[in-house]
PDB file of N, CA and C in Angstrom:
ATOM      1  N   UNK A   1       0.834  -1.192   0.000  1.00  0.00           N
ATOM      2  CA  UNK A   1       0.000   0.000   0.000  1.00  0.00           C
ATOM      3  C   UNK A   1       0.872   1.246   0.000  1.00  0.00           C
ATOM      4  N   UNK A   2       0.581   2.172  -0.897  1.00  0.00           N
ATOM      5  CA  UNK A   2       1.345   3.410  -0.972  1.00  0.00           C
ATOM      6  C   UNK A   2       0.932   4.390   0.109  1.00  0.00           C
ATOM      7  N   UNK A   3       1.800   5.311   0.380  1.00  0.00           N
ATOM      8  CA  UNK A   3       1.503   6.330   1.379  1.00  0.00           C
ATOM      9  C   UNK A   3       0.603   7.399   0.784  1.00  0.00           C
ATOM     10  N   UNK A   4      -0.294   7.898   1.592  1.00  0.00           N
ATOM     11  CA  UNK A   4      -1.159   9.002   1.174  1.00  0.00           C
ATOM     12  C   UNK A   4      -0.327  10.284   1.132  1.00  0.00           C
ATOM     13  N   UNK A   5      -0.510  11.116   0.115  1.00  0.00           N
ATOM     14  CA  UNK A   5       0.221  12.379   0.092  1.00  0.00           C
ATOM     15  C   UNK A   5      -0.240  13.271   1.241  1.00  0.00           C
ATOM     16  N   UNK A   6       0.685  14.022   1.782  1.00  0.00           N
ATOM     17  CA  UNK A   6       0.341  14.954   2.850  1.00  0.00           C
ATOM     18  C   UNK A   6      -0.108  16.260   2.215  1.00  0.00           C
ATOM     19  N   UNK A   7      -1.327  16.692   2.581  1.00  0.00           N
ATOM     20  CA  UNK A   7      -1.899  17.908   2.011  1.00  0.00           C
ATOM     21  C   UNK A   7      -2.041  18.963   3.082  1.00  0.00           C
ATOM     22  N   UNK A   8      -1.650  20.178   2.733  1.00  0.00           N
ATOM     23  CA  UNK A   8      -1.900  21.331   3.583  1.00  0.00           C
ATOM     24  C   UNK A   8      -2.899  22.212   2.856  1.00  0.00           C
ATOM     25  N   UNK A   9      -4.018  22.547   3.489  1.00  0.00           N
ATOM     26  CA  UNK A   9      -5.023  23.370   2.805  1.00  0.00           C
ATOM     27  C   UNK A   9      -4.509  24.786   2.580  1.00  0.00           C
ATOM     28  N   UNK A  10      -5.144  25.530   1.641  1.00  0.00           N
ATOM     29  CA  UNK A  10      -4.729  26.916   1.432  1.00  0.00           C
ATOM     30  C   UNK A  10      -5.095  27.753   2.655  1.00  0.00           C
ATOM     31  N   UNK A  11      -4.376  28.836   2.830  1.00  0.00           N
ATOM     32  CA  UNK A  11      -4.636  29.728   3.953  1.00  0.00           C
ATOM     33  C   UNK A  11      -4.518  31.150   3.439  1.00  0.00           C
ATOM     34  N   UNK A  12      -5.540  31.955   3.721  1.00  0.00           N
ATOM     35  CA  UNK A  12      -5.484  33.359   3.309  1.00  0.00           C
ATOM     36  C   UNK A  12      -4.465  34.065   4.188  1.00  0.00           C
ATOM     37  N   UNK A  13      -3.515  34.744   3.548  1.00  0.00           N
ATOM     38  CA  UNK A  13      -2.500  35.453   4.312  1.00  0.00           C
ATOM     39  C   UNK A  13      -2.647  36.970   4.175  1.00  0.00           C
ATOM     40  N   UNK A  14      -3.417  37.407   3.213  1.00  0.00           N
ATOM     41  CA  UNK A  14      -3.704  38.827   3.042  1.00  0.00           C
ATOM     42  C   UNK A  14      -5.146  38.943   2.597  1.00  0.00           C
ATOM     43  N   UNK A  15      -5.985  39.462   3.494  1.00  0.00           N
ATOM     44  CA  UNK A  15      -7.412  39.531   3.201  1.00  0.00           C
ATOM     45  C   UNK A  15      -7.963  40.838   3.751  1.00  0.00           C
ATOM     46  N   UNK A  16      -8.519  41.650   2.881  1.00  0.00           N
ATOM     47  CA  UNK A  16      -9.192  42.868   3.310  1.00  0.00           C
ATOM     48  C   UNK A  16     -10.675  42.707   2.990  1.00  0.00           C
ATOM     49  N   UNK A  17     -11.546  43.107   3.902  1.00  0.00           N
ATOM     50  CA  UNK A  17     -12.974  42.995   3.596  1.00  0.00           C
ATOM     51  C   UNK A  17     -13.367  44.006   2.525  1.00  0.00           C
ATOM     52  N   UNK A  18     -14.411  43.673   1.792  1.00  0.00           N
ATOM     53  CA  UNK A  18     -14.930  44.587   0.791  1.00  0.00           C
ATOM     54  C   UNK A  18     -15.649  45.747   1.456  1.00  0.00           C
ATOM     55  N   UNK A  19     -15.786  46.828   0.725  1.00  0.00           N
ATOM     56  CA  UNK A  19     -16.520  47.998   1.213  1.00  0.00           C
ATOM     57  C   UNK A  19     -17.772  48.125   0.363  1.00  0.00           C
ATOM     58  N   UNK A  20     -18.911  48.211   1.035  1.00  0.00           N
ATOM     59  CA  UNK A  20     -20.176  48.343   0.299  1.00  0.00           C
ATOM     60  C   UNK A  20     -20.172  49.627  -0.516  1.00  0.00           C
ATOM     61  N   UNK A  21     -20.545  49.543  -1.789  1.00  0.00           N
ATOM     62  CA  UNK A  21     -20.661  50.755  -2.594  1.00  0.00           C
ATOM     63  C   UNK A  21     -21.712  51.682  -1.982  1.00  0.00           C
ATOM     64  N   UNK A  22     -21.541  52.999  -2.122  1.00  0.00           N
ATOM     65  CA  UNK A  22     -22.527  53.945  -1.569  1.00  0.00           C
ATOM     66  C   UNK A  22     -23.938  53.635  -2.081  1.00  0.00           C
ATOM     67  N   UNK A  23     -24.894  53.737  -1.170  1.00  0.00           N
ATOM     68  CA  UNK A  23     -26.284  53.506  -1.536  1.00  0.00           C
ATOM     69  C   UNK A  23     -26.688  52.044  -1.577  1.00  0.00           C
ATOM     70  N   UNK A  24     -25.756  51.141  -1.260  1.00  0.00           N
ATOM     71  CA  UNK A  24     -26.055  49.712  -1.277  1.00  0.00           C
ATOM     72  C   UNK A  24     -26.430  49.255   0.121  1.00  0.00           C
ATOM     73  N   UNK A  25     -27.514  48.518   0.216  1.00  0.00           N
ATOM     74  CA  UNK A  25     -27.877  47.920   1.504  1.00  0.00           C
ATOM     75  C   UNK A  25     -28.330  46.496   1.232  1.00  0.00           C
ATOM     76  N   UNK A  26     -27.551  45.560   1.667  1.00  0.00           N
ATOM     77  CA  UNK A  26     -27.856  44.142   1.482  1.00  0.00           C
ATOM     78  C   UNK A  26     -28.009  43.502   2.854  1.00  0.00           C
ATOM     79  N   UNK A  27     -29.012  42.639   2.995  1.00  0.00           N
ATOM     80  CA  UNK A  27     -29.244  41.974   4.277  1.00  0.00           C
ATOM     81  C   UNK A  27     -28.052  41.103   4.663  1.00  0.00           C
ATOM     82  N   UNK A  28     -27.501  40.391   3.706  1.00  0.00           N
ATOM     83  CA  UNK A  28     -26.338  39.534   3.954  1.00  0.00           C
ATOM     84  C   UNK A  28     -25.258  39.886   2.932  1.00  0.00           C
ATOM     85  N   UNK A  29     -24.399  40.848   3.274  1.00  0.00           N
ATOM     86  CA  UNK A  29     -23.408  41.314   2.302  1.00  0.00           C
ATOM     87  C   UNK A  29     -22.182  40.397   2.195  1.00  0.00           C
ATOM     88  N   UNK A  30     -22.402  39.186   1.699  1.00  0.00           N
ATOM     89  CA  UNK A  30     -21.318  38.226   1.466  1.00  0.00           C
ATOM     90  C   UNK A  30     -21.505  37.639   0.074  1.00  0.00           C
ATOM     91  N   UNK A  31     -20.432  37.639  -0.725  1.00  0.00           N
ATOM     92  CA  UNK A  31     -20.467  37.070  -2.068  1.00  0.00           C
ATOM     93  C   UNK A  31     -19.605  35.808  -2.063  1.00  0.00           C
ATOM     94  N   UNK A  32     -20.111  34.745  -2.656  1.00  0.00           N
ATOM     95  CA  UNK A  32     -19.390  33.468  -2.747  1.00  0.00           C
ATOM     96  C   UNK A  32     -18.821  33.333  -4.151  1.00  0.00           C
ATOM     97  N   UNK A  33     -17.518  33.069  -4.211  1.00  0.00           N
ATOM     98  CA  UNK A  33     -16.815  33.039  -5.486  1.00  0.00           C
ATOM     99  C   UNK A  33     -15.904  31.813  -5.529  1.00  0.00           C
ATOM    100  N   UNK A  34     -15.954  31.096  -6.643  1.00  0.00           N
ATOM    101  CA  UNK A  34     -14.982  30.019  -6.849  1.00  0.00           C
ATOM    102  C   UNK A  34     -13.783  30.626  -7.558  1.00  0.00           C
ATOM    103  N   UNK A  35     -12.599  30.318  -7.064  1.00  0.00           N
ATOM    104  CA  UNK A  35     -11.361  30.868  -7.630  1.00  0.00           C
ATOM    105  C   UNK A  35     -10.320  29.767  -7.762  1.00  0.00           C
ATOM    106  N   UNK A  36      -9.267  30.094  -8.466  1.00  0.00           N
ATOM    107  CA  UNK A  36      -8.083  29.250  -8.531  1.00  0.00           C
ATOM    108  C   UNK A  36      -7.005  29.952  -7.712  1.00  0.00           C
ATOM    109  N   UNK A  37      -6.344  29.220  -6.822  1.00  0.00           N
ATOM    110  CA  UNK A  37      -5.174  29.747  -6.126  1.00  0.00           C
ATOM    111  C   UNK A  37      -3.970  29.149  -6.832  1.00  0.00           C
ATOM    112  N   UNK A  38      -3.160  30.039  -7.427  1.00  0.00           N
ATOM    113  CA  UNK A  38      -2.019  29.520  -8.187  1.00  0.00           C
ATOM    114  C   UNK A  38      -0.839  29.202  -7.267  1.00  0.00           C
ATOM    115  N   UNK A  39       0.255  28.761  -7.848  1.00  0.00           N
ATOM    116  CA  UNK A  39       1.406  28.310  -7.061  1.00  0.00           C
ATOM    117  C   UNK A  39       2.084  29.441  -6.284  1.00  0.00           C
ATOM    118  N   UNK A  40       1.848  30.686  -6.693  1.00  0.00           N
ATOM    119  CA  UNK A  40       2.416  31.824  -5.974  1.00  0.00           C
ATOM    120  C   UNK A  40       1.435  32.425  -4.967  1.00  0.00           C
ATOM    121  N   UNK A  41       0.231  31.855  -4.879  1.00  0.00           N
ATOM    122  CA  UNK A  41      -0.756  32.353  -3.936  1.00  0.00           C
ATOM    123  C   UNK A  41      -1.661  33.440  -4.485  1.00  0.00           C
ATOM    124  N   UNK A  42      -1.574  33.681  -5.784  1.00  0.00           N
ATOM    125  CA  UNK A  42      -2.466  34.670  -6.397  1.00  0.00           C
ATOM    126  C   UNK A  42      -3.839  34.038  -6.631  1.00  0.00           C
ATOM    127  N   UNK A  43      -4.849  34.872  -6.546  1.00  0.00           N
ATOM    128  CA  UNK A  43      -6.221  34.410  -6.750  1.00  0.00           C
ATOM    129  C   UNK A  43      -6.632  34.785  -8.165  1.00  0.00           C
ATOM    130  N   UNK A  44      -7.069  33.785  -8.935  1.00  0.00           N
ATOM    131  CA  UNK A  44      -7.347  33.992 -10.355  1.00  0.00           C
ATOM    132  C   UNK A  44      -8.645  33.303 -10.765  1.00  0.00           C
ATOM    133  N   UNK A  45      -9.121  33.628 -11.947  1.00  0.00           N
ATOM    134  CA  UNK A  45     -10.296  33.035 -12.605  1.00  0.00           C
ATOM    135  C   UNK A  45     -11.527  32.956 -11.696  1.00  0.00           C
ATOM    136  N   UNK A  46     -11.963  34.094 -11.139  1.00  0.00           N
ATOM    137  CA  UNK A  46     -13.142  34.072 -10.264  1.00  0.00           C
ATOM    138  C   UNK A  46     -14.418  33.752 -11.038  1.00  0.00           C
ATOM    139  N   UNK A  47     -15.295  32.997 -10.390  1.00  0.00           N
ATOM    140  CA  UNK A  47     -16.609  32.684 -10.944  1.00  0.00           C
ATOM    141  C   UNK A  47     -17.642  32.890  -9.839  1.00  0.00           C
ATOM    142  N   UNK A  48     -18.670  33.652 -10.153  1.00  0.00           N
ATOM    143  CA  UNK A  48     -19.741  33.945  -9.196  1.00  0.00           C
ATOM    144  C   UNK A  48     -20.481  32.661  -8.823  1.00  0.00           C
ATOM    145  N   UNK A  49     -20.693  32.451  -7.516  1.00  0.00           N
ATOM    146  CA  UNK A  49     -21.464  31.298  -7.046  1.00  0.00           C
ATOM    147  C   UNK A  49     -22.736  31.700  -6.317  1.00  0.00           C
ATOM    148  N   UNK A  50     -22.697  32.802  -5.562  1.00  0.00           N
ATOM    149  CA  UNK A  50     -23.886  33.169  -4.803  1.00  0.00           C
ATOM    150  C   UNK A  50     -23.693  34.462  -4.039  1.00  0.00           C
ATOM    151  N   UNK A  51     -24.756  34.873  -3.374  1.00  0.00           N
ATOM    152  CA  UNK A  51     -24.756  36.139  -2.664  1.00  0.00           C
ATOM    153  C   UNK A  51     -25.335  37.222  -3.560  1.00  0.00           C
ATOM    154  N   UNK A  52     -25.354  38.451  -3.076  1.00  0.00           N
ATOM    155  CA  UNK A  52     -25.927  39.543  -3.868  1.00  0.00           C
ATOM    156  C   UNK A  52     -25.120  39.781  -5.147  1.00  0.00           C
ATOM    157  N   UNK A  53     -25.747  39.540  -6.281  1.00  0.00           N
ATOM    158  CA  UNK A  53     -25.048  39.713  -7.565  1.00  0.00           C
ATOM    159  C   UNK A  53     -24.627  41.168  -7.762  1.00  0.00           C
ATOM    160  N   UNK A  54     -25.355  42.092  -7.163  1.00  0.00           N
ATOM    161  CA  UNK A  54     -25.004  43.517  -7.294  1.00  0.00           C
ATOM    162  C   UNK A  54     -23.639  43.820  -6.676  1.00  0.00           C
ATOM    163  N   UNK A  55     -23.175  42.970  -5.758  1.00  0.00           N
ATOM    164  CA  UNK A  55     -21.876  43.186  -5.108  1.00  0.00           C
ATOM    165  C   UNK A  55     -20.732  42.449  -5.800  1.00  0.00           C
ATOM    166  N   UNK A  56     -21.043  41.671  -6.825  1.00  0.00           N
ATOM    167  CA  UNK A  56     -19.996  40.876  -7.475  1.00  0.00           C
ATOM    168  C   UNK A  56     -18.858  41.740  -8.039  1.00  0.00           C
ATOM    169  N   UNK A  57     -19.143  42.863  -8.743  1.00  0.00           N
ATOM    170  CA  UNK A  57     -18.023  43.685  -9.222  1.00  0.00           C
ATOM    171  C   UNK A  57     -17.122  44.173  -8.080  1.00  0.00           C
ATOM    172  N   UNK A  58     -17.719  44.572  -6.961  1.00  0.00           N
ATOM    173  CA  UNK A  58     -16.921  45.009  -5.807  1.00  0.00           C
ATOM    174  C   UNK A  58     -16.160  43.833  -5.203  1.00  0.00           C
ATOM    175  N   UNK A  59     -16.748  42.639  -5.251  1.00  0.00           N
ATOM    176  CA  UNK A  59     -16.051  41.447  -4.750  1.00  0.00           C
ATOM    177  C   UNK A  59     -14.811  41.163  -5.594  1.00  0.00           C
ATOM    178  N   UNK A  60     -14.902  41.351  -6.913  1.00  0.00           N
ATOM    179  CA  UNK A  60     -13.741  41.151  -7.785  1.00  0.00           C
ATOM    180  C   UNK A  60     -12.629  42.131  -7.433  1.00  0.00           C
ATOM    181  N   UNK A  61     -12.989  43.391  -7.172  1.00  0.00           N
ATOM    182  CA  UNK A  61     -11.990  44.386  -6.770  1.00  0.00           C
ATOM    183  C   UNK A  61     -11.314  43.978  -5.460  1.00  0.00           C
ATOM    184  N   UNK A  62     -12.104  43.454  -4.541  1.00  0.00           N
ATOM    185  CA  UNK A  62     -11.576  43.026  -3.247  1.00  0.00           C
ATOM    186  C   UNK A  62     -10.646  41.830  -3.415  1.00  0.00           C
ATOM    187  N   UNK A  63     -11.059  40.841  -4.207  1.00  0.00           N
ATOM    188  CA  UNK A  63     -10.224  39.646  -4.405  1.00  0.00           C
ATOM    189  C   UNK A  63      -8.875  39.971  -5.025  1.00  0.00           C
ATOM    190  N   UNK A  64      -8.805  41.032  -5.813  1.00  0.00           N
ATOM    191  CA  UNK A  64      -7.540  41.420  -6.435  1.00  0.00           C
ATOM    192  C   UNK A  64      -6.497  41.793  -5.380  1.00  0.00           C
ATOM    193  N   UNK A  65      -6.940  42.112  -4.167  1.00  0.00           N
ATOM    194  CA  UNK A  65      -6.033  42.511  -3.092  1.00  0.00           C
ATOM    195  C   UNK A  65      -5.656  41.344  -2.171  1.00  0.00           C
ATOM    196  N   UNK A  66      -6.291  40.195  -2.360  1.00  0.00           N
ATOM    197  CA  UNK A  66      -6.051  39.063  -1.473  1.00  0.00           C
ATOM    198  C   UNK A  66      -4.875  38.227  -1.945  1.00  0.00           C
ATOM    199  N   UNK A  67      -4.227  37.573  -0.996  1.00  0.00           N
ATOM    200  CA  UNK A  67      -3.166  36.604  -1.280  1.00  0.00           C
ATOM    201  C   UNK A  67      -3.414  35.387  -0.393  1.00  0.00           C
ATOM    202  N   UNK A  68      -3.038  34.241  -0.894  1.00  0.00           N
ATOM    203  CA  UNK A  68      -3.216  33.002  -0.140  1.00  0.00           C
ATOM    204  C   UNK A  68      -1.933  32.192  -0.175  1.00  0.00           C
ATOM    205  N   UNK A  69      -1.781  31.363   0.818  1.00  0.00           N
ATOM    206  CA  UNK A  69      -0.707  30.377   0.771  1.00  0.00           C
ATOM    207  C   UNK A  69      -1.312  29.179   0.045  1.00  0.00           C
ATOM    208  N   UNK A  70      -0.743  28.762  -1.090  1.00  0.00           N
ATOM    209  CA  UNK A  70      -1.367  27.692  -1.876  1.00  0.00           C
ATOM    210  C   UNK A  70      -1.382  26.359  -1.147  1.00  0.00           C
ATOM    211  N   UNK A  71      -2.274  25.483  -1.606  1.00  0.00           N
ATOM    212  CA  UNK A  71      -2.280  24.117  -1.090  1.00  0.00           C
ATOM    213  C   UNK A  71      -0.932  23.500  -1.408  1.00  0.00           C
ATOM    214  N   UNK A  72      -0.434  22.737  -0.472  1.00  0.00           N
ATOM    215  CA  UNK A  72       0.835  22.041  -0.682  1.00  0.00           C
ATOM    216  C   UNK A  72       0.595  20.542  -0.545  1.00  0.00           C
ATOM    217  N   UNK A  73       1.131  19.803  -1.493  1.00  0.00           N
ATOM    218  CA  UNK A  73       1.076  18.349  -1.448  1.00  0.00           C
ATOM    219  C   UNK A  73       2.523  17.873  -1.379  1.00  0.00           C
ATOM    220  N   UNK A  74       2.834  17.181  -0.297  1.00  0.00           N
ATOM    221  CA  UNK A  74       4.213  16.735  -0.050  1.00  0.00           C
ATOM    222  C   UNK A  74       5.197  17.900  -0.145  1.00  0.00           C
ATOM    223  N   UNK A  75       4.770  19.067   0.342  1.00  0.00           N
ATOM    224  CA  UNK A  75       5.630  20.236   0.393  1.00  0.00           C
ATOM    225  C   UNK A  75       5.642  21.100  -0.848  1.00  0.00           C
ATOM    226  N   UNK A  76       5.097  20.635  -1.968  1.00  0.00           N
ATOM    227  CA  UNK A  76       5.121  21.399  -3.218  1.00  0.00           C
ATOM    228  C   UNK A  76       3.780  22.121  -3.421  1.00  0.00           C
ATOM    229  N   UNK A  77       3.800  23.421  -3.799  1.00  0.00           N
ATOM    230  CA  UNK A  77       2.547  24.122  -4.050  1.00  0.00           C
ATOM    231  C   UNK A  77       1.870  23.595  -5.311  1.00  0.00           C
ATOM    232  N   UNK A  78       0.548  23.491  -5.245  1.00  0.00           N
ATOM    233  CA  UNK A  78      -0.229  23.034  -6.400  1.00  0.00           C
ATOM    234  C   UNK A  78      -1.377  24.006  -6.652  1.00  0.00           C
ATOM    235  N   UNK A  79      -1.766  24.126  -7.911  1.00  0.00           N
ATOM    236  CA  UNK A  79      -2.887  24.974  -8.312  1.00  0.00           C
ATOM    237  C   UNK A  79      -4.182  24.246  -7.976  1.00  0.00           C
ATOM    238  N   UNK A  80      -5.089  24.938  -7.289  1.00  0.00           N
ATOM    239  CA  UNK A  80      -6.330  24.288  -6.872  1.00  0.00           C
ATOM    240  C   UNK A  80      -7.513  25.245  -6.944  1.00  0.00           C
ATOM    241  N   UNK A  81      -8.712  24.704  -7.202  1.00  0.00           N
ATOM    242  CA  UNK A  81      -9.917  25.533  -7.106  1.00  0.00           C
ATOM    243  C   UNK A  81     -10.348  25.619  -5.638  1.00  0.00           C
ATOM    244  N   UNK A  82     -10.908  26.750  -5.263  1.00  0.00           N
ATOM    245  CA  UNK A  82     -11.383  26.974  -3.897  1.00  0.00           C
ATOM    246  C   UNK A  82     -12.615  27.854  -3.942  1.00  0.00           C
ATOM    247  N   UNK A  83     -13.461  27.732  -2.939  1.00  0.00           N
ATOM    248  CA  UNK A  83     -14.605  28.619  -2.799  1.00  0.00           C
ATOM    249  C   UNK A  83     -14.282  29.587  -1.662  1.00  0.00           C
ATOM    250  N   UNK A  84     -14.392  30.885  -1.969  1.00  0.00           N
ATOM    251  CA  UNK A  84     -14.119  31.915  -0.973  1.00  0.00           C
ATOM    252  C   UNK A  84     -15.368  32.720  -0.696  1.00  0.00           C
ATOM    253  N   UNK A  85     -15.470  33.223   0.522  1.00  0.00           N
ATOM    254  CA  UNK A  85     -16.523  34.146   0.900  1.00  0.00           C
ATOM    255  C   UNK A  85     -15.897  35.533   0.957  1.00  0.00           C
ATOM    256  N   UNK A  86     -16.502  36.484   0.276  1.00  0.00           N
ATOM    257  CA  UNK A  86     -16.018  37.859   0.304  1.00  0.00           C
ATOM    258  C   UNK A  86     -17.008  38.671   1.150  1.00  0.00           C
ATOM    259  N   UNK A  87     -16.624  38.980   2.393  1.00  0.00           N
ATOM    260  CA  UNK A  87     -17.522  39.766   3.255  1.00  0.00           C
ATOM    261  C   UNK A  87     -17.365  41.260   2.976  1.00  0.00           C
ATOM    262  N   UNK A  88     -18.418  42.005   3.244  1.00  0.00           N
ATOM    263  CA  UNK A  88     -18.399  43.458   3.040  1.00  0.00           C
ATOM    264  C   UNK A  88     -18.696  44.177   4.331  1.00  0.00           C
ATOM    265  N   UNK A  89     -17.943  45.229   4.600  1.00  0.00           N
ATOM    266  CA  UNK A  89     -18.192  46.115   5.731  1.00  0.00           C
ATOM    267  C   UNK A  89     -19.038  47.284   5.255  1.00  0.00           C
ATOM    268  N   UNK A  90     -19.935  47.762   6.109  1.00  0.00           N
ATOM    269  CA  UNK A  90     -20.739  48.933   5.727  1.00  0.00           C
ATOM    270  C   UNK A  90     -19.894  50.187   5.639  1.00  0.00           C
TER     271      UNK A  90
END
């Protein structure tokens, strides 16, 4: 029997909350986005999954500022899809 690879999940290392655009009031200001975390920890290829669609453009602006530590398998970074929640502050 072969050994299972050791996996370390991704970890956000730079995360700023989104800021609600003026005049926006959402009951639950969280947008769910599927992204790819590349080997350098950059967040790429966002796809809308849920939450207020009106906040999606602001969520994209917010994600551009985030950095993550990529998933590591046996110590090597690998590109992986992840679902992130982008919260917004009033």
